[in-house]
């Protein structure tokens, strides 16, 4: 069943953990592009080869450029090294913001080709505004029979000129700040744009399913939002290691079940209450199956020390890049 998920952030050169800068570490736009696109790229700034060409689950990747952009921007290695070089020339290169990153869920009802078309349509919205976008579609191996298709879009932050990159366009920043900021309405418009394109793709595919970018609160649904586990937390859950996200997910599931039962037991609310109960039923039927598969904690077959030793052995046996 199609679900709505979209995450937007800015990739900065500084690596932060718990709100604090991690000394001696930095992010790289080239590395991010290689990872998201399943590519092998040379990072000229770090003199390293970022090789993710054997990364599984990358179904599609391409570069979209705005009208008037130089031809070389269609080459991911040249593009993202140019982004890094332009930030090195700025007066705040140590704290530089390198790129915008968007990832969003693609409907499981659609084929890989239909999801590629959807991802390109969303990426095209940013390109029409003058940004360069690397659009990638990930189709990992199904887990427990469930597909998880999604798209990663890496987007430049500076205006494109015939010679390369010019000044940063501050008007583009509004949609990438947290909801609740003075320009939080822009973020909501981006989110609605993604939902609109998703629903068009579902309609063209012949499906009645629709997604909605609005929160449960905005929809008037008495329900607590579920927790997006993410790649790392999901992997830990599958290894039998507990996570804060997984624990919160299970608590949310229990609370939402209790709220649903209370709503179903209340038969005195008239048509409005019945309509809300129908919404509860539709959303819960799909989400409870998803929550159940995500929140199962398996009993570890090995100790923590043994797992750590195995990871070290695996790491030491990896071929040099």
Protein backbone atom coordinates (compact mmCIF):
# COMPACT_ATOMS: atom_id res chain seq x y z
CA UNK A 1 0.00 0.00 0.00
CA UNK A 2 1.29 3.46 -0.90
CA UNK A 3 2.47 5.50 2.09
CA UNK A 4 3.69 9.07 2.33
CA UNK A 5 7.20 9.70 3.58
CA UNK A 6 9.47 12.58 2.62
CA UNK A 7 12.61 13.80 4.36
CA UNK A 8 14.44 16.99 3.45
CA UNK A 9 17.79 18.19 4.75
CA UNK A 10 20.90 20.15 3.82
CA UNK A 11 24.24 18.35 3.59
CA UNK A 12 26.86 20.54 5.22
CA UNK A 13 30.61 20.02 5.15
CA UNK A 14 30.73 19.76 8.94
CA UNK A 15 29.84 16.43 10.54
CA UNK A 16 27.70 16.93 13.62
CA UNK A 17 26.62 14.50 16.30
CA UNK A 18 24.24 15.52 19.05
CA UNK A 19 24.36 19.08 17.74
CA UNK A 20 28.15 19.29 18.13
CA UNK A 21 30.80 19.36 15.41
CA UNK A 22 32.90 16.19 15.18
CA UNK A 23 36.57 17.28 14.87
CA UNK A 24 38.60 15.83 12.02
CA UNK A 25 35.60 14.65 10.00
CA UNK A 26 33.70 16.23 7.12
CA UNK A 27 31.01 15.37 4.60
CA UNK A 28 31.59 15.17 0.88
CA UNK A 29 29.11 15.90 -1.91
CA UNK A 30 31.07 13.52 -4.16
CA UNK A 31 30.77 10.69 -1.63
CA UNK A 32 27.05 11.35 -1.16
CA UNK A 33 26.47 11.32 -4.93
CA UNK A 34 28.44 8.07 -5.35
CA UNK A 35 26.55 6.36 -2.55
CA UNK A 36 23.08 7.46 -3.63
CA UNK A 37 23.71 6.78 -7.30
CA UNK A 38 25.65 3.52 -6.95
CA UNK A 39 28.56 5.17 -8.77
CA UNK A 40 32.35 5.12 -8.78
CA UNK A 41 33.58 8.71 -8.49
CA UNK A 42 36.96 10.28 -7.80
CA UNK A 43 36.88 12.87 -5.01
CA UNK A 44 39.48 15.40 -6.13
CA UNK A 45 39.38 17.30 -2.86
CA UNK A 46 40.17 14.24 -0.73
CA UNK A 47 42.18 12.35 -3.38
CA UNK A 48 40.00 9.30 -2.82
CA UNK A 49 37.94 6.97 -4.97
CA UNK A 50 34.36 6.64 -3.75
CA UNK A 51 33.31 3.31 -5.23
CA UNK A 52 29.70 2.22 -4.70
CA UNK A 53 29.33 0.66 -8.14
CA UNK A 54 28.66 -2.73 -6.52
CA UNK A 55 26.08 -1.34 -4.12
CA UNK A 56 22.89 -3.36 -4.35
CA UNK A 57 19.42 -1.94 -4.72
CA UNK A 58 20.23 1.05 -6.96
CA UNK A 59 17.82 0.68 -9.87
CA UNK A 60 18.34 3.99 -11.66
CA UNK A 61 20.30 7.23 -11.49
CA UNK A 62 20.66 10.25 -13.76
CA UNK A 63 21.51 13.97 -13.72
CA UNK A 64 18.91 16.60 -14.63
CA UNK A 65 20.19 20.06 -15.56
CA UNK A 66 18.32 23.35 -16.09
CA UNK A 67 18.18 25.15 -19.41
CA UNK A 68 21.45 26.89 -20.22
CA UNK A 69 23.62 24.73 -17.95
CA UNK A 70 27.02 23.73 -19.36
CA UNK A 71 27.12 20.22 -20.80
CA UNK A 72 29.73 18.96 -18.32
CA UNK A 73 27.24 19.29 -15.45
CA UNK A 74 25.58 16.13 -16.75
CA UNK A 75 28.68 14.21 -15.63
CA UNK A 76 28.27 13.37 -11.92
CA UNK A 77 32.00 13.30 -11.18
CA UNK A 78 32.63 16.71 -12.73
CA UNK A 79 29.42 18.13 -11.27
CA UNK A 80 29.99 17.29 -7.61
CA UNK A 81 33.73 18.02 -7.69
CA UNK A 82 32.80 21.45 -9.09
CA UNK A 83 30.39 21.90 -6.17
CA UNK A 84 33.19 21.11 -3.70
CA UNK A 85 35.70 23.37 -5.50
CA UNK A 86 33.24 26.28 -5.57
CA UNK A 87 32.68 25.99 -1.81
CA UNK A 88 36.46 25.88 -1.22
CA UNK A 89 36.61 29.28 -2.94
CA UNK A 90 34.00 30.77 -0.58
CA UNK A 91 34.87 32.68 2.58
CA UNK A 92 33.06 30.12 4.76
CA UNK A 93 34.45 26.97 3.19
CA UNK A 94 34.86 25.16 6.52
CA UNK A 95 31.14 25.53 7.29
CA UNK A 96 29.97 25.26 3.69
CA UNK A 97 26.56 23.90 2.78
CA UNK A 98 27.16 21.52 -0.10
CA UNK A 99 23.80 20.26 -1.36
CA UNK A 100 20.17 19.64 -0.56
CA UNK A 101 19.06 16.06 -0.05
CA UNK A 102 15.52 14.80 -0.52
CA UNK A 103 14.40 11.22 -0.05
CA UNK A 104 10.81 10.08 -0.41
CA UNK A 105 8.83 6.86 -0.60
CA UNK A 106 7.66 5.47 -3.94
CA UNK A 107 4.40 3.49 -4.16
CA UNK A 108 4.78 -0.28 -3.99
CA UNK A 109 1.82 -0.56 -6.38
CA UNK A 110 3.87 0.89 -9.24
CA UNK A 111 6.46 -0.86 -11.41
CA UNK A 112 10.12 0.17 -11.42
CA UNK A 113 9.59 2.08 -14.68
CA UNK A 114 6.56 3.93 -13.29
CA UNK A 115 8.49 4.85 -10.14
CA UNK A 116 11.39 6.12 -12.23
CA UNK A 117 8.99 8.39 -14.09
CA UNK A 118 7.59 9.64 -10.76
CA UNK A 119 11.06 10.34 -9.34
CA UNK A 120 12.03 12.25 -12.49
CA UNK A 121 8.84 14.32 -12.28
CA UNK A 122 9.63 15.35 -8.69
CA UNK A 123 13.27 16.09 -9.55
CA UNK A 124 12.13 18.14 -12.53
CA UNK A 125 10.24 20.52 -10.23
CA UNK A 126 13.55 21.64 -8.69
CA UNK A 127 15.34 21.78 -12.04
CA UNK A 128 12.65 24.14 -13.38
CA UNK A 129 13.71 26.54 -10.64
CA UNK A 130 17.34 26.48 -11.79
CA UNK A 131 18.83 23.71 -9.66
CA UNK A 132 20.81 20.68 -10.86
CA UNK A 133 19.44 17.40 -9.52
CA UNK A 134 20.86 13.89 -9.34
CA UNK A 135 17.83 11.60 -9.25
CA UNK A 136 18.29 8.03 -8.00
CA UNK A 137 15.78 5.25 -7.42
CA UNK A 138 16.52 2.52 -4.88
CA UNK A 139 14.72 -0.82 -5.03
CA UNK A 140 16.23 -2.96 -2.25
CA UNK A 141 15.59 -6.68 -2.00
CA UNK A 142 12.14 -7.18 -0.41
CA UNK A 143 12.16 -7.89 3.33
CA UNK A 144 9.48 -10.32 4.51
CA UNK A 145 7.87 -10.00 1.10
CA UNK A 146 7.58 -6.20 1.41
CA UNK A 147 9.08 -3.85 -1.17
CA UNK A 148 10.65 -0.57 -0.13
CA UNK A 149 11.13 1.51 -3.29
CA UNK A 150 12.27 5.08 -2.65
CA UNK A 151 14.06 7.94 -4.33
CA UNK A 152 17.07 10.03 -3.34
CA UNK A 153 17.49 13.41 -5.00
CA UNK A 154 20.70 15.39 -4.47
CA UNK A 155 20.29 19.05 -5.44
CA UNK A 156 22.76 21.90 -5.93
CA UNK A 157 22.50 25.15 -3.99
CA UNK A 158 24.09 27.73 -6.30
CA UNK A 159 22.80 29.45 -9.41
CA UNK A 160 24.01 27.91 -12.65
CA UNK A 161 26.03 30.11 -15.06
CA UNK A 162 27.59 29.26 -18.44
CA UNK A 163 30.95 28.98 -16.64
CA UNK A 164 29.78 26.93 -13.64
CA UNK A 165 28.27 27.93 -10.32
CA UNK A 166 27.56 31.47 -9.20
CA UNK A 167 26.07 32.79 -5.97
CA UNK A 168 23.87 30.79 -3.66
CA UNK A 169 20.20 31.45 -4.25
CA UNK A 170 18.78 32.18 -0.78
CA UNK A 171 15.23 32.11 -2.13
CA UNK A 172 15.59 28.34 -2.51
CA UNK A 173 16.32 27.84 1.19
CA UNK A 174 12.77 28.31 2.44
CA UNK A 175 11.57 24.83 1.61
CA UNK A 176 14.46 23.20 3.42
CA UNK A 177 13.94 24.63 6.88
CA UNK A 178 12.04 22.83 9.59
CA UNK A 179 8.27 23.12 9.79
CA UNK A 180 7.43 25.93 12.17
CA UNK A 181 10.11 28.27 10.82
CA UNK A 182 8.90 31.62 9.42
CA UNK A 183 8.92 30.10 5.92
CA UNK A 184 7.59 26.70 7.00
CA UNK A 185 4.73 27.13 4.53
CA UNK A 186 7.25 26.68 1.73
CA UNK A 187 8.23 23.31 3.14
CA UNK A 188 4.59 22.32 3.18
CA UNK A 189 4.29 23.28 -0.47
CA UNK A 190 7.23 21.04 -1.38
CA UNK A 191 5.64 18.19 0.54
CA UNK A 192 2.32 18.74 -1.22
CA UNK A 193 4.10 18.78 -4.58
CA UNK A 194 5.53 15.32 -3.88
CA UNK A 195 2.13 14.01 -2.80
CA UNK A 196 0.46 15.49 -5.90
CA UNK A 197 2.95 13.83 -8.26
CA UNK A 198 2.59 10.54 -6.38
CA UNK A 199 -1.19 10.63 -6.71
CA UNK A 200 -0.98 11.44 -10.42
CA UNK A 201 1.29 8.42 -10.90
CA UNK A 202 -1.12 6.20 -8.97
CA UNK A 203 -4.06 7.44 -11.02
CA UNK A 204 -2.20 6.89 -14.29
CA UNK A 205 -1.32 3.40 -13.09
CA UNK A 206 -5.00 2.61 -12.57
CA UNK A 207 -4.93 2.54 -8.75
CA UNK A 208 -7.51 4.09 -6.41
CA UNK A 209 -4.96 4.44 -3.58
CA UNK A 210 -3.92 8.01 -2.70
CA UNK A 211 -1.37 9.55 -0.32
CA UNK A 212 -1.71 12.68 1.79
CA UNK A 213 1.20 14.80 2.98
CA UNK A 214 -0.76 16.31 5.87
CA UNK A 215 -0.21 15.24 9.47
CA UNK A 216 -2.80 13.28 11.46
CA UNK A 217 -3.44 16.49 13.41
CA UNK A 218 -4.19 18.47 10.24
CA UNK A 219 -6.46 15.65 9.04
CA UNK A 220 -8.35 15.62 12.35
CA UNK A 221 -7.34 12.01 13.10
CA UNK A 222 -6.78 11.12 16.75
CA UNK A 223 -3.64 9.12 16.14
CA UNK A 224 0.04 9.38 17.09
CA UNK A 225 2.45 9.51 14.11
CA UNK A 226 4.54 6.38 13.63
CA UNK A 227 8.33 6.46 13.78
CA UNK A 228 10.44 6.22 10.64
CA UNK A 229 13.13 3.73 11.65
CA UNK A 230 15.60 4.46 8.90
CA UNK A 231 18.25 2.19 7.41
CA UNK A 232 20.56 1.85 10.42
CA UNK A 233 17.83 1.28 13.01
CA UNK A 234 16.07 -1.23 10.76
CA UNK A 235 19.32 -3.19 10.32
CA UNK A 236 19.86 -3.22 14.08
CA UNK A 237 16.31 -4.43 14.65
CA UNK A 238 16.86 -7.27 12.21
CA UNK A 239 20.05 -8.27 14.04
CA UNK A 240 18.09 -8.43 17.28
CA UNK A 241 19.55 -5.23 18.73
CA UNK A 242 17.09 -2.88 20.40
CA UNK A 243 16.89 0.75 19.29
CA UNK A 244 15.19 3.84 20.71
CA UNK A 245 13.25 4.21 17.47
CA UNK A 246 12.02 0.62 17.67
CA UNK A 247 11.01 0.99 21.30
CA UNK A 248 9.10 4.17 20.54
CA UNK A 249 7.47 2.48 17.54
CA UNK A 250 6.10 -0.29 19.74
CA UNK A 251 4.79 2.18 22.32
CA UNK A 252 3.09 4.22 19.58
CA UNK A 253 1.52 1.05 18.17
CA UNK A 254 0.05 0.13 21.56
CA UNK A 255 -1.30 3.64 22.16
CA UNK A 256 -2.85 3.86 18.71
CA UNK A 257 -4.50 0.47 19.15
CA UNK A 258 -6.03 1.71 22.42
CA UNK A 259 -7.28 4.89 20.75
CA UNK A 260 -8.81 2.89 17.91
CA UNK A 261 -10.62 0.62 20.35
CA UNK A 262 -11.97 3.64 22.25
CA UNK A 263 -13.19 5.20 18.99
CA UNK A 264 -14.93 2.01 17.90
CA UNK A 265 -16.59 1.68 21.30
CA UNK A 266 -18.06 5.18 21.04
CA UNK A 267 -21.26 4.84 19.01
CA UNK A 268 -22.84 8.11 20.13
CA UNK A 269 -20.95 10.53 17.92
CA UNK A 270 -23.22 10.51 14.87
CA UNK A 271 -21.99 10.74 11.28
CA UNK A 272 -18.81 12.64 12.16
CA UNK A 273 -17.64 10.00 14.62
CA UNK A 274 -18.49 7.21 12.19
CA UNK A 275 -16.51 8.93 9.43
CA UNK A 276 -13.51 9.27 11.73
CA UNK A 277 -13.77 5.59 12.69
CA UNK A 278 -13.75 4.67 9.00
CA UNK A 279 -10.58 6.72 8.50
CA UNK A 280 -9.05 4.98 11.52
CA UNK A 281 -9.87 1.59 10.09
CA UNK A 282 -8.42 2.34 6.66
CA UNK A 283 -5.16 3.76 7.98
CA UNK A 284 -4.72 1.21 10.74
CA UNK A 285 -5.26 -1.87 8.58
CA UNK A 286 -2.24 -1.00 6.47
CA UNK A 287 -0.03 0.60 9.11
CA UNK A 288 -0.47 -2.14 11.73
CA UNK A 289 0.91 -4.73 9.31
CA UNK A 290 3.85 -2.46 8.56
CA UNK A 291 4.45 -1.63 12.23
CA UNK A 292 4.33 -5.29 13.23
CA UNK A 293 7.04 -6.24 10.74
CA UNK A 294 9.24 -3.28 11.72
CA UNK A 295 8.96 -3.61 15.48
CA UNK A 296 9.65 -7.32 15.97
CA UNK A 297 12.71 -7.80 18.15
CA UNK A 298 14.43 -11.05 17.37
CA UNK A 299 16.46 -12.88 19.98
CA UNK A 300 20.16 -12.44 19.24
CA UNK A 301 21.89 -15.66 18.29
CA UNK A 302 25.30 -14.31 19.28
CA UNK A 303 26.59 -11.99 21.99
CA UNK A 304 27.40 -8.34 21.39
CA UNK A 305 31.16 -9.08 21.66
CA UNK A 306 30.90 -11.84 19.05
CA UNK A 307 29.04 -9.58 16.66
CA UNK A 308 31.65 -6.85 17.08
CA UNK A 309 34.45 -9.33 16.40
CA UNK A 310 32.66 -10.55 13.27
CA UNK A 311 32.30 -6.99 11.98
CA UNK A 312 36.01 -6.38 12.50
CA UNK A 313 36.87 -9.61 10.64
CA UNK A 314 34.53 -8.68 7.78
CA UNK A 315 35.99 -5.18 7.59
CA UNK A 316 39.58 -6.41 7.53
CA UNK A 317 38.78 -8.90 4.75
CA UNK A 318 37.26 -6.27 2.44
CA UNK A 319 39.36 -5.58 -0.71
CA UNK A 320 41.20 -2.26 -0.85
CA UNK A 321 39.60 0.41 -3.03
